Amino acid sequence: MRLFARIGAIGFVAVALTMTALQLREEPKPVPVEVTTVFEPDGDPLPLQLRACARMGQLALSSPDCHAAWAEKRRRFLGLKSGAENATEEGAAPASSPEPQPAKDQ
């Protein structure tokens, strides 16, 4: 009985060593390279302006150009309409204000 156990153990170890040797002979599979793409529309100066503001550091806080660039980036990110589009809509239908309007002379 012990003889069969030893033969079985030796056979198991032999198979395990053979499988390990076969695995080590195979070429490792190449790791796929992760590609990151950044969309920058052609002719749009906003990304360049934002990079310039980022390089300015603290000075960008006092720059009106940087404030305008940040406002435009925020507007695009939030999907809001531009100031020109809002002005045309306001001209078509004036918004009511909470303050009383002076009476117009006829």
PDB file of N, CA and C in Angstrom:
ATOM      1  N   MET A   1       0.824  -1.183   0.000  1.00  0.00           N
ATOM      2  CA  MET A   1       0.000   0.000   0.000  1.00  0.00           C
ATOM      3  C   MET A   1       0.876   1.257   0.000  1.00  0.00           C
ATOM      4  N   ARG A   2       1.961   1.210   0.812  1.00  0.00           N
ATOM      5  CA  ARG A   2       2.861   2.364   0.858  1.00  0.00           C
ATOM      6  C   ARG A   2       3.567   2.549  -0.474  1.00  0.00           C
ATOM      7  N   LEU A   3       3.826   1.475  -1.138  1.00  0.00           N
ATOM      8  CA  LEU A   3       4.520   1.548  -2.420  1.00  0.00           C
ATOM      9  C   LEU A   3       3.669   2.294  -3.446  1.00  0.00           C
ATOM     10  N   PHE A   4       2.348   2.016  -3.476  1.00  0.00           N
ATOM     11  CA  PHE A   4       1.457   2.710  -4.408  1.00  0.00           C
ATOM     12  C   PHE A   4       1.350   4.193  -4.073  1.00  0.00           C
ATOM     13  N   ALA A   5       1.363   4.527  -2.799  1.00  0.00           N
ATOM     14  CA  ALA A   5       1.301   5.933  -2.373  1.00  0.00           C
ATOM     15  C   ALA A   5       2.557   6.668  -2.830  1.00  0.00           C
ATOM     16  N   ARG A   6       3.709   6.016  -2.672  1.00  0.00           N
ATOM     17  CA  ARG A   6       4.964   6.659  -3.099  1.00  0.00           C
ATOM     18  C   ARG A   6       5.009   6.815  -4.616  1.00  0.00           C
ATOM     19  N   ILE A   7       4.574   5.811  -5.324  1.00  0.00           N
ATOM     20  CA  ILE A   7       4.564   5.888  -6.788  1.00  0.00           C
ATOM     21  C   ILE A   7       3.604   7.005  -7.234  1.00  0.00           C
ATOM     22  N   GLY A   8       2.454   7.115  -6.593  1.00  0.00           N
ATOM     23  CA  GLY A   8       1.492   8.173  -6.926  1.00  0.00           C
ATOM     24  C   GLY A   8       2.049   9.560  -6.635  1.00  0.00           C
ATOM     25  N   ALA A   9       2.730   9.724  -5.498  1.00  0.00           N
ATOM     26  CA  ALA A   9       3.313  11.018  -5.133  1.00  0.00           C
ATOM     27  C   ALA A   9       4.416  11.396  -6.112  1.00  0.00           C
ATOM     28  N   ILE A  10       5.252  10.434  -6.483  1.00  0.00           N
ATOM     29  CA  ILE A  10       6.334  10.698  -7.432  1.00  0.00           C
ATOM     30  C   ILE A  10       5.742  11.073  -8.792  1.00  0.00           C
ATOM     31  N   GLY A  11       4.697  10.385  -9.204  1.00  0.00           N
ATOM     32  CA  GLY A  11       4.043  10.706 -10.476  1.00  0.00           C
ATOM     33  C   GLY A  11       3.441  12.113 -10.458  1.00  0.00           C
ATOM     34  N   PHE A  12       2.805  12.470  -9.355  1.00  0.00           N
ATOM     35  CA  PHE A  12       2.216  13.801  -9.231  1.00  0.00           C
ATOM     36  C   PHE A  12       3.289  14.889  -9.320  1.00  0.00           C
ATOM     37  N   VAL A  13       4.404  14.691  -8.620  1.00  0.00           N
ATOM     38  CA  VAL A  13       5.502  15.667  -8.645  1.00  0.00           C
ATOM     39  C   VAL A  13       6.101  15.741 -10.051  1.00  0.00           C
ATOM     40  N   ALA A  14       6.208  14.625 -10.731  1.00  0.00           N
ATOM     41  CA  ALA A  14       6.774  14.614 -12.081  1.00  0.00           C
ATOM     42  C   ALA A  14       5.874  15.391 -13.035  1.00  0.00           C
ATOM     43  N   VAL A  15       4.548  15.201 -12.925  1.00  0.00           N
ATOM     44  CA  VAL A  15       3.622  15.926 -13.792  1.00  0.00           C
ATOM     45  C   VAL A  15       3.675  17.419 -13.489  1.00  0.00           C
ATOM     46  N   ALA A  16       3.736  17.785 -12.207  1.00  0.00           N
ATOM     47  CA  ALA A  16       3.797  19.196 -11.822  1.00  0.00           C
ATOM     48  C   ALA A  16       5.070  19.846 -12.346  1.00  0.00           C
ATOM     49  N   LEU A  17       6.205  19.168 -12.248  1.00  0.00           N
ATOM     50  CA  LEU A  17       7.464  19.725 -12.760  1.00  0.00           C
ATOM     51  C   LEU A  17       7.430  19.865 -14.286  1.00  0.00           C
ATOM     52  N   THR A  18       6.836  18.900 -14.968  1.00  0.00           N
ATOM     53  CA  THR A  18       6.741  18.963 -16.426  1.00  0.00           C
ATOM     54  C   THR A  18       5.880  20.149 -16.859  1.00  0.00           C
ATOM     55  N   MET A  19       4.741  20.323 -16.210  1.00  0.00           N
ATOM     56  CA  MET A  19       3.849  21.439 -16.554  1.00  0.00           C
ATOM     57  C   MET A  19       4.528  22.791 -16.276  1.00  0.00           C
ATOM     58  N   THR A  20       5.269  22.878 -15.185  1.00  0.00           N
ATOM     59  CA  THR A  20       5.984  24.121 -14.866  1.00  0.00           C
ATOM     60  C   THR A  20       7.037  24.421 -15.921  1.00  0.00           C
ATOM     61  N   ALA A  21       7.765  23.413 -16.348  1.00  0.00           N
ATOM     62  CA  ALA A  21       8.799  23.605 -17.369  1.00  0.00           C
ATOM     63  C   ALA A  21       8.172  24.063 -18.686  1.00  0.00           C
ATOM     64  N   LEU A  22       7.020  23.504 -19.039  1.00  0.00           N
ATOM     65  CA  LEU A  22       6.350  23.914 -20.267  1.00  0.00           C
ATOM     66  C   LEU A  22       5.865  25.365 -20.184  1.00  0.00           C
ATOM     67  N   GLN A  23       5.370  25.769 -19.033  1.00  0.00           N
ATOM     68  CA  GLN A  23       4.908  27.152 -18.851  1.00  0.00           C
ATOM     69  C   GLN A  23       6.066  28.143 -18.943  1.00  0.00           C
ATOM     70  N   LEU A  24       7.216  27.781 -18.421  1.00  0.00           N
ATOM     71  CA  LEU A  24       8.371  28.692 -18.445  1.00  0.00           C
ATOM     72  C   LEU A  24       8.947  28.843 -19.851  1.00  0.00           C
ATOM     73  N   ARG A  25       8.740  27.859 -20.729  1.00  0.00           N
ATOM     74  CA  ARG A  25       9.254  27.943 -22.089  1.00  0.00           C
ATOM     75  C   ARG A  25       8.461  28.893 -22.965  1.00  0.00           C
ATOM     76  N   GLU A  26       7.201  29.156 -22.645  1.00  0.00           N
ATOM     77  CA  GLU A  26       6.354  30.009 -23.474  1.00  0.00           C
ATOM     78  C   GLU A  26       6.780  31.469 -23.356  1.00  0.00           C
ATOM     79  N   GLU A  27       6.625  32.179 -24.468  1.00  0.00           N
ATOM     80  CA  GLU A  27       6.919  33.615 -24.480  1.00  0.00           C
ATOM     81  C   GLU A  27       5.836  34.355 -23.685  1.00  0.00           C
ATOM     82  N   PRO A  28       6.239  35.324 -22.878  1.00  0.00           N
ATOM     83  CA  PRO A  28       5.212  36.094 -22.169  1.00  0.00           C
ATOM     84  C   PRO A  28       4.423  36.954 -23.148  1.00  0.00           C
ATOM     85  N   LYS A  29       3.137  37.049 -22.919  1.00  0.00           N
ATOM     86  CA  LYS A  29       2.279  37.843 -23.798  1.00  0.00           C
ATOM     87  C   LYS A  29       2.564  39.320 -23.558  1.00  0.00           C
ATOM     88  N   PRO A  30       2.644  40.103 -24.637  1.00  0.00           N
ATOM     89  CA  PRO A  30       2.913  41.545 -24.460  1.00  0.00           C
ATOM     90  C   PRO A  30       1.724  42.232 -23.768  1.00  0.00           C
ATOM     91  N   VAL A  31       2.049  43.146 -22.880  1.00  0.00           N
ATOM     92  CA  VAL A  31       1.027  43.899 -22.168  1.00  0.00           C
ATOM     93  C   VAL A  31       0.499  44.988 -23.102  1.00  0.00           C
ATOM     94  N   PRO A  32      -0.809  45.051 -23.315  1.00  0.00           N
ATOM     95  CA  PRO A  32      -1.336  46.091 -24.210  1.00  0.00           C
ATOM     96  C   PRO A  32      -1.097  47.489 -23.620  1.00  0.00           C
ATOM     97  N   VAL A  33      -0.679  48.390 -24.483  1.00  0.00           N
ATOM     98  CA  VAL A  33      -0.389  49.755 -24.067  1.00  0.00           C
ATOM     99  C   VAL A  33      -1.699  50.533 -24.011  1.00  0.00           C
ATOM    100  N   GLU A  34      -1.923  51.209 -22.899  1.00  0.00           N
ATOM    101  CA  GLU A  34      -3.141  52.006 -22.753  1.00  0.00           C
ATOM    102  C   GLU A  34      -2.954  53.340 -23.469  1.00  0.00           C
ATOM    103  N   VAL A  35      -3.877  53.662 -24.367  1.00  0.00           N
ATOM    104  CA  VAL A  35      -3.789  54.875 -25.158  1.00  0.00           C
ATOM    105  C   VAL A  35      -4.801  55.880 -24.624  1.00  0.00           C
ATOM    106  N   THR A  36      -4.326  57.068 -24.320  1.00  0.00           N
ATOM    107  CA  THR A  36      -5.204  58.129 -23.860  1.00  0.00           C
ATOM    108  C   THR A  36      -5.250  59.206 -24.928  1.00  0.00           C
ATOM    109  N   THR A  37      -6.443  59.542 -25.374  1.00  0.00           N
ATOM    110  CA  THR A  37      -6.587  60.579 -26.384  1.00  0.00           C
ATOM    111  C   THR A  37      -7.270  61.792 -25.766  1.00  0.00           C
ATOM    112  N   VAL A  38      -6.809  62.945 -26.160  1.00  0.00           N
ATOM    113  CA  VAL A  38      -7.383  64.195 -25.697  1.00  0.00           C
ATOM    114  C   VAL A  38      -7.942  64.913 -26.909  1.00  0.00           C
ATOM    115  N   PHE A  39      -9.206  65.302 -26.828  1.00  0.00           N
ATOM    116  CA  PHE A  39      -9.859  65.978 -27.944  1.00  0.00           C
ATOM    117  C   PHE A  39      -9.626  67.477 -27.819  1.00  0.00           C
ATOM    118  N   GLU A  40      -8.973  68.037 -28.817  1.00  0.00           N
ATOM    119  CA  GLU A  40      -8.782  69.477 -28.891  1.00  0.00           C
ATOM    120  C   GLU A  40      -9.214  69.919 -30.285  1.00  0.00           C
ATOM    121  N   PRO A  41     -10.341  70.621 -30.386  1.00  0.00           N
ATOM    122  CA  PRO A  41     -10.793  71.053 -31.697  1.00  0.00           C
ATOM    123  C   PRO A  41      -9.786  71.997 -32.353  1.00  0.00           C
ATOM    124  N   ASP A  42      -9.653  71.875 -33.677  1.00  0.00           N
ATOM    125  CA  ASP A  42      -8.736  72.744 -34.411  1.00  0.00           C
ATOM    126  C   ASP A  42      -9.247  74.177 -34.386  1.00  0.00           C
ATOM    127  N   GLY A  43      -8.346  75.121 -34.213  1.00  0.00           N
ATOM    128  CA  GLY A  43      -8.709  76.526 -34.270  1.00  0.00           C
ATOM    129  C   GLY A  43      -9.327  77.058 -32.987  1.00  0.00           C
ATOM    130  N   ASP A  44      -9.420  76.257 -31.936  1.00  0.00           N
ATOM    131  CA  ASP A  44      -9.995  76.717 -30.680  1.00  0.00           C
ATOM    132  C   ASP A  44      -8.865  77.221 -29.781  1.00  0.00           C
ATOM    133  N   PRO A  45      -8.818  78.530 -29.487  1.00  0.00           N
ATOM    134  CA  PRO A  45      -7.727  79.062 -28.676  1.00  0.00           C
ATOM    135  C   PRO A  45      -7.897  78.806 -27.184  1.00  0.00           C
ATOM    136  N   LEU A  46      -9.053  78.308 -26.749  1.00  0.00           N
ATOM    137  CA  LEU A  46      -9.298  78.136 -25.320  1.00  0.00           C
ATOM    138  C   LEU A  46      -8.299  77.199 -24.633  1.00  0.00           C
ATOM    139  N   PRO A  47      -7.980  76.018 -25.191  1.00  0.00           N
ATOM    140  CA  PRO A  47      -7.002  75.161 -24.511  1.00  0.00           C
ATOM    141  C   PRO A  47      -5.637  75.829 -24.329  1.00  0.00           C
ATOM    142  N   LEU A  48      -5.195  76.576 -25.333  1.00  0.00           N
ATOM    143  CA  LEU A  48      -3.910  77.273 -25.208  1.00  0.00           C
ATOM    144  C   LEU A  48      -3.971  78.343 -24.128  1.00  0.00           C
ATOM    145  N   GLN A  49      -5.095  79.068 -24.067  1.00  0.00           N
ATOM    146  CA  GLN A  49      -5.255  80.109 -23.059  1.00  0.00           C
ATOM    147  C   GLN A  49      -5.284  79.495 -21.654  1.00  0.00           C
ATOM    148  N   LEU A  50      -5.962  78.368 -21.504  1.00  0.00           N
ATOM    149  CA  LEU A  50      -6.025  77.710 -20.194  1.00  0.00           C
ATOM    150  C   LEU A  50      -4.651  77.203 -19.760  1.00  0.00           C
ATOM    151  N   ARG A  51      -3.864  76.686 -20.720  1.00  0.00           N
ATOM    152  CA  ARG A  51      -2.503  76.246 -20.375  1.00  0.00           C
ATOM    153  C   ARG A  51      -1.639  77.432 -19.957  1.00  0.00           C
ATOM    154  N   ALA A  52      -1.790  78.557 -20.665  1.00  0.00           N
ATOM    155  CA  ALA A  52      -1.013  79.747 -20.319  1.00  0.00           C
ATOM    156  C   ALA A  52      -1.387  80.227 -18.922  1.00  0.00           C
ATOM    157  N   CYS A  53      -2.664  80.195 -18.595  1.00  0.00           N
ATOM    158  CA  CYS A  53      -3.110  80.611 -17.258  1.00  0.00           C
ATOM    159  C   CYS A  53      -2.573  79.662 -16.190  1.00  0.00           C
ATOM    160  N   ALA A  54      -2.515  78.378 -16.512  1.00  0.00           N
ATOM    161  CA  ALA A  54      -1.995  77.406 -15.552  1.00  0.00           C
ATOM    162  C   ALA A  54      -0.511  77.663 -15.283  1.00  0.00           C
ATOM    163  N   ARG A  55       0.226  78.076 -16.328  1.00  0.00           N
ATOM    164  CA  ARG A  55       1.653  78.360 -16.147  1.00  0.00           C
ATOM    165  C   ARG A  55       1.884  79.647 -15.370  1.00  0.00           C
ATOM    166  N   MET A  56       0.901  80.556 -15.390  1.00  0.00           N
ATOM    167  CA  MET A  56       1.064  81.838 -14.707  1.00  0.00           C
ATOM    168  C   MET A  56       1.008  81.703 -13.185  1.00  0.00           C
ATOM    169  N   GLY A  57       0.361  80.676 -12.704  1.00  0.00           N
ATOM    170  CA  GLY A  57       0.259  80.484 -11.252  1.00  0.00           C
ATOM    171  C   GLY A  57      -0.638  81.522 -10.615  1.00  0.00           C
ATOM    172  N   GLN A  58      -0.176  82.143  -9.524  1.00  0.00           N
ATOM    173  CA  GLN A  58      -0.967  83.118  -8.766  1.00  0.00           C
ATOM    174  C   GLN A  58      -1.300  84.358  -9.592  1.00  0.00           C
ATOM    175  N   LEU A  59      -0.462  84.712 -10.552  1.00  0.00           N
ATOM    176  CA  LEU A  59      -0.727  85.894 -11.368  1.00  0.00           C
ATOM    177  C   LEU A  59      -2.007  85.749 -12.192  1.00  0.00           C
ATOM    178  N   ALA A  60      -2.402  84.512 -12.459  1.00  0.00           N
ATOM    179  CA  ALA A  60      -3.608  84.281 -13.262  1.00  0.00           C
ATOM    180  C   ALA A  60      -4.865  84.755 -12.540  1.00  0.00           C
ATOM    181  N   LEU A  61      -4.816  84.824 -11.213  1.00  0.00           N
ATOM    182  CA  LEU A  61      -5.987  85.260 -10.457  1.00  0.00           C
ATOM    183  C   LEU A  61      -6.343  86.719 -10.730  1.00  0.00           C
ATOM    184  N   SER A  62      -5.364  87.515 -11.109  1.00  0.00           N
ATOM    185  CA  SER A  62      -5.620  88.936 -11.375  1.00  0.00           C
ATOM    186  C   SER A  62      -5.736  89.239 -12.877  1.00  0.00           C
ATOM    187  N   SER A  63      -5.688  88.219 -13.717  1.00  0.00           N
ATOM    188  CA  SER A  63      -5.740  88.418 -15.162  1.00  0.00           C
ATOM    189  C   SER A  63      -7.179  88.329 -15.668  1.00  0.00           C
ATOM    190  N   PRO A  64      -7.680  89.392 -16.322  1.00  0.00           N
ATOM    191  CA  PRO A  64      -9.036  89.317 -16.870  1.00  0.00           C
ATOM    192  C   PRO A  64      -9.147  88.287 -18.009  1.00  0.00           C
ATOM    193  N   ASP A  65      -8.061  88.082 -18.745  1.00  0.00           N
ATOM    194  CA  ASP A  65      -8.085  87.075 -19.811  1.00  0.00           C
ATOM    195  C   ASP A  65      -8.284  85.668 -19.233  1.00  0.00           C
ATOM    196  N   CYS A  66      -7.620  85.393 -18.120  1.00  0.00           N
ATOM    197  CA  CYS A  66      -7.772  84.083 -17.483  1.00  0.00           C
ATOM    198  C   CYS A  66      -9.172  83.917 -16.912  1.00  0.00           C
ATOM    199  N   HIS A  67      -9.717  84.980 -16.325  1.00  0.00           N
ATOM    200  CA  HIS A  67     -11.085  84.903 -15.809  1.00  0.00           C
ATOM    201  C   HIS A  67     -12.071  84.608 -16.944  1.00  0.00           C
ATOM    202  N   ALA A  68     -11.860  85.240 -18.084  1.00  0.00           N
ATOM    203  CA  ALA A  68     -12.738  85.008 -19.233  1.00  0.00           C
ATOM    204  C   ALA A  68     -12.585  83.578 -19.754  1.00  0.00           C
ATOM    205  N   ALA A  69     -11.351  83.079 -19.797  1.00  0.00           N
ATOM    206  CA  ALA A  69     -11.113  81.716 -20.268  1.00  0.00           C
ATOM    207  C   ALA A  69     -11.746  80.697 -19.322  1.00  0.00           C
ATOM    208  N   TRP A  70     -11.625  80.920 -18.023  1.00  0.00           N
ATOM    209  CA  TRP A  70     -12.224  80.003 -17.052  1.00  0.00           C
ATOM    210  C   TRP A  70     -13.751  80.029 -17.152  1.00  0.00           C
ATOM    211  N   ALA A  71     -14.310  81.218 -17.357  1.00  0.00           N
ATOM    212  CA  ALA A  71     -15.765  81.329 -17.487  1.00  0.00           C
ATOM    213  C   ALA A  71     -16.247  80.582 -18.735  1.00  0.00           C
ATOM    214  N   GLU A  72     -15.508  80.698 -19.835  1.00  0.00           N
ATOM    215  CA  GLU A  72     -15.876  79.997 -21.067  1.00  0.00           C
ATOM    216  C   GLU A  72     -15.766  78.485 -20.882  1.00  0.00           C
ATOM    217  N   LYS A  73     -14.697  78.031 -20.221  1.00  0.00           N
ATOM    218  CA  LYS A  73     -14.533  76.595 -19.957  1.00  0.00           C
ATOM    219  C   LYS A  73     -15.678  76.081 -19.083  1.00  0.00           C
ATOM    220  N   ARG A  74     -16.040  76.840 -18.071  1.00  0.00           N
ATOM    221  CA  ARG A  74     -17.140  76.467 -17.188  1.00  0.00           C
ATOM    222  C   ARG A  74     -18.465  76.410 -17.971  1.00  0.00           C
ATOM    223  N   ARG A  75     -18.684  77.404 -18.849  1.00  0.00           N
ATOM    224  CA  ARG A  75     -19.899  77.454 -19.652  1.00  0.00           C
ATOM    225  C   ARG A  75     -19.996  76.224 -20.557  1.00  0.00           C
ATOM    226  N   ARG A  76     -18.876  75.862 -21.204  1.00  0.00           N
ATOM    227  CA  ARG A  76     -18.873  74.703 -22.094  1.00  0.00           C
ATOM    228  C   ARG A  76     -19.083  73.409 -21.312  1.00  0.00           C
ATOM    229  N   PHE A  77     -18.431  73.299 -20.159  1.00  0.00           N
ATOM    230  CA  PHE A  77     -18.529  72.091 -19.355  1.00  0.00           C
ATOM    231  C   PHE A  77     -19.954  71.866 -18.870  1.00  0.00           C
ATOM    232  N   LEU A  78     -20.598  72.934 -18.440  1.00  0.00           N
ATOM    233  CA  LEU A  78     -21.956  72.830 -17.917  1.00  0.00           C
ATOM    234  C   LEU A  78     -23.005  72.804 -19.022  1.00  0.00           C
ATOM    235  N   GLY A  79     -22.601  73.071 -20.266  1.00  0.00           N
ATOM    236  CA  GLY A  79     -23.536  73.027 -21.382  1.00  0.00           C
ATOM    237  C   GLY A  79     -24.470  74.220 -21.419  1.00  0.00           C
ATOM    238  N   LEU A  80     -24.026  75.357 -20.896  1.00  0.00           N
ATOM    239  CA  LEU A  80     -24.844  76.554 -20.904  1.00  0.00           C
ATOM    240  C   LEU A  80     -24.733  77.252 -22.243  1.00  0.00           C
ATOM    241  N   LYS A  81     -25.706  78.095 -22.541  1.00  0.00           N
ATOM    242  CA  LYS A  81     -25.659  78.862 -23.782  1.00  0.00           C
ATOM    243  C   LYS A  81     -24.676  80.008 -23.625  1.00  0.00           C
ATOM    244  N   SER A  82     -24.138  80.464 -24.756  1.00  0.00           N
ATOM    245  CA  SER A  82     -23.169  81.553 -24.707  1.00  0.00           C
ATOM    246  C   SER A  82     -23.867  82.867 -24.396  1.00  0.00           C
ATOM    247  N   GLY A  83     -23.097  83.874 -24.035  1.00  0.00           N
ATOM    248  CA  GLY A  83     -23.655  85.186 -23.718  1.00  0.00           C
ATOM    249  C   GLY A  83     -24.379  85.796 -24.896  1.00  0.00           C
ATOM    250  N   ALA A  84     -23.893  85.594 -26.135  1.00  0.00           N
ATOM    251  CA  ALA A  84     -24.534  86.141 -27.330  1.00  0.00           C
ATOM    252  C   ALA A  84     -25.909  85.495 -27.542  1.00  0.00           C
ATOM    253  N   GLU A  85     -26.007  84.183 -27.307  1.00  0.00           N
ATOM    254  CA  GLU A  85     -27.289  83.498 -27.464  1.00  0.00           C
ATOM    255  C   GLU A  85     -28.278  83.967 -26.395  1.00  0.00           C
ATOM    256  N   ASN A  86     -27.794  84.195 -25.173  1.00  0.00           N
ATOM    257  CA  ASN A  86     -28.668  84.674 -24.107  1.00  0.00           C
ATOM    258  C   ASN A  86     -29.175  86.073 -24.409  1.00  0.00           C
ATOM    259  N   ALA A  87     -28.323  86.915 -25.011  1.00  0.00           N
ATOM    260  CA  ALA A  87     -28.714  88.294 -25.308  1.00  0.00           C
ATOM    261  C   ALA A  87     -29.821  88.323 -26.362  1.00  0.00           C
ATOM    262  N   THR A  88     -29.747  87.437 -27.371  1.00  0.00           N
ATOM    263  CA  THR A  88     -30.791  87.423 -28.399  1.00  0.00           C
ATOM    264  C   THR A  88     -32.107  86.917 -27.826  1.00  0.00           C
ATOM    265  N   GLU A  89     -32.042  85.965 -26.927  1.00  0.00           N
ATOM    266  CA  GLU A  89     -33.272  85.475 -26.304  1.00  0.00           C
ATOM    267  C   GLU A  89     -33.889  86.529 -25.397  1.00  0.00           C
ATOM    268  N   GLU A  90     -33.045  87.255 -24.664  1.00  0.00           N
ATOM    269  CA  GLU A  90     -33.562  88.289 -23.776  1.00  0.00           C
ATOM    270  C   GLU A  90     -34.187  89.427 -24.566  1.00  0.00           C
ATOM    271  N   GLY A  91     -33.638  89.723 -25.758  1.00  0.00           N
ATOM    272  CA  GLY A  91     -34.184  90.787 -26.590  1.00  0.00           C
ATOM    273  C   GLY A  91     -35.554  90.406 -27.131  1.00  0.00           C
ATOM    274  N   ALA A  92     -35.777  89.129 -27.382  1.00  0.00           N
ATOM    275  CA  ALA A  92     -37.052  88.678 -27.919  1.00  0.00           C
ATOM    276  C   ALA A  92     -38.144  88.693 -26.849  1.00  0.00           C
ATOM    277  N   ALA A  93     -37.808  88.277 -25.662  1.00  0.00           N
ATOM    278  CA  ALA A  93     -38.792  88.243 -24.571  1.00  0.00           C
ATOM    279  C   ALA A  93     -38.137  88.814 -23.324  1.00  0.00           C
ATOM    280  N   PRO A  94     -38.394  90.084 -22.994  1.00  0.00           N
ATOM    281  CA  PRO A  94     -37.742  90.669 -21.835  1.00  0.00           C
ATOM    282  C   PRO A  94     -38.173  89.969 -20.553  1.00  0.00           C
ATOM    283  N   ALA A  95     -37.207  89.784 -19.691  1.00  0.00           N
ATOM    284  CA  ALA A  95     -37.488  89.128 -18.415  1.00  0.00           C
ATOM    285  C   ALA A  95     -38.123  90.131 -17.460  1.00  0.00           C
ATOM    286  N   SER A  96     -39.039  89.642 -16.651  1.00  0.00           N
ATOM    287  CA  SER A  96     -39.685  90.539 -15.682  1.00  0.00           C
ATOM    288  C   SER A  96     -38.764  90.705 -14.486  1.00  0.00           C
ATOM    289  N   SER A  97     -38.656  91.927 -13.994  1.00  0.00           N
ATOM    290  CA  SER A  97     -37.793  92.195 -12.852  1.00  0.00           C
ATOM    291  C   SER A  97     -38.658  92.435 -11.625  1.00  0.00           C
ATOM    292  N   PRO A  98     -38.147  92.145 -10.436  1.00  0.00           N
ATOM    293  CA  PRO A  98     -38.933  92.319  -9.224  1.00  0.00           C
ATOM    294  C   PRO A  98     -39.145  93.794  -8.858  1.00  0.00           C
ATOM    295  N   GLU A  99     -38.336  94.676  -9.441  1.00  0.00           N
ATOM    296  CA  GLU A  99     -38.484  96.095  -9.127  1.00  0.00           C
ATOM    297  C   GLU A  99     -39.580  96.716  -9.993  1.00  0.00           C
ATOM    298  N   PRO A 100     -40.332  97.657  -9.449  1.00  0.00           N
ATOM    299  CA  PRO A 100     -41.378  98.317 -10.246  1.00  0.00           C
ATOM    300  C   PRO A 100     -40.740  99.198 -11.327  1.00  0.00           C
ATOM    301  N   GLN A 101     -41.358  99.197 -12.511  1.00  0.00           N
ATOM    302  CA  GLN A 101     -40.860  99.984 -13.627  1.00  0.00           C
ATOM    303  C   GLN A 101     -41.528 101.352 -13.618  1.00  0.00           C
ATOM    304  N   PRO A 102     -40.789 102.422 -13.965  1.00  0.00           N
ATOM    305  CA  PRO A 102     -41.409 103.752 -14.016  1.00  0.00           C
ATOM    306  C   PRO A 102     -42.415 103.830 -15.167  1.00  0.00           C
ATOM    307  N   ALA A 103     -43.436 104.593 -14.967  1.00  0.00           N
ATOM    308  CA  ALA A 103     -44.476 104.724 -15.988  1.00  0.00           C
ATOM    309  C   ALA A 103     -43.923 105.524 -17.173  1.00  0.00           C
ATOM    310  N   LYS A 104     -44.301 105.094 -18.384  1.00  0.00           N
ATOM    311  CA  LYS A 104     -43.834 105.764 -19.591  1.00  0.00           C
ATOM    312  C   LYS A 104     -44.818 106.877 -19.930  1.00  0.00           C
ATOM    313  N   ASP A 105     -44.271 108.010 -20.357  1.00  0.00           N
ATOM    314  CA  ASP A 105     -45.105 109.137 -20.782  1.00  0.00           C
ATOM    315  C   ASP A 105     -45.664 108.841 -22.166  1.00  0.00           C
ATOM    316  N   GLN A 106     -46.964 109.232 -22.364  1.00  0.00           N
ATOM    317  CA  GLN A 106     -47.569 108.958 -23.655  1.00  0.00           C
ATOM    318  C   GLN A 106     -47.726 110.204 -24.440  1.00  0.00           C
TER     319      GLN A 106
END
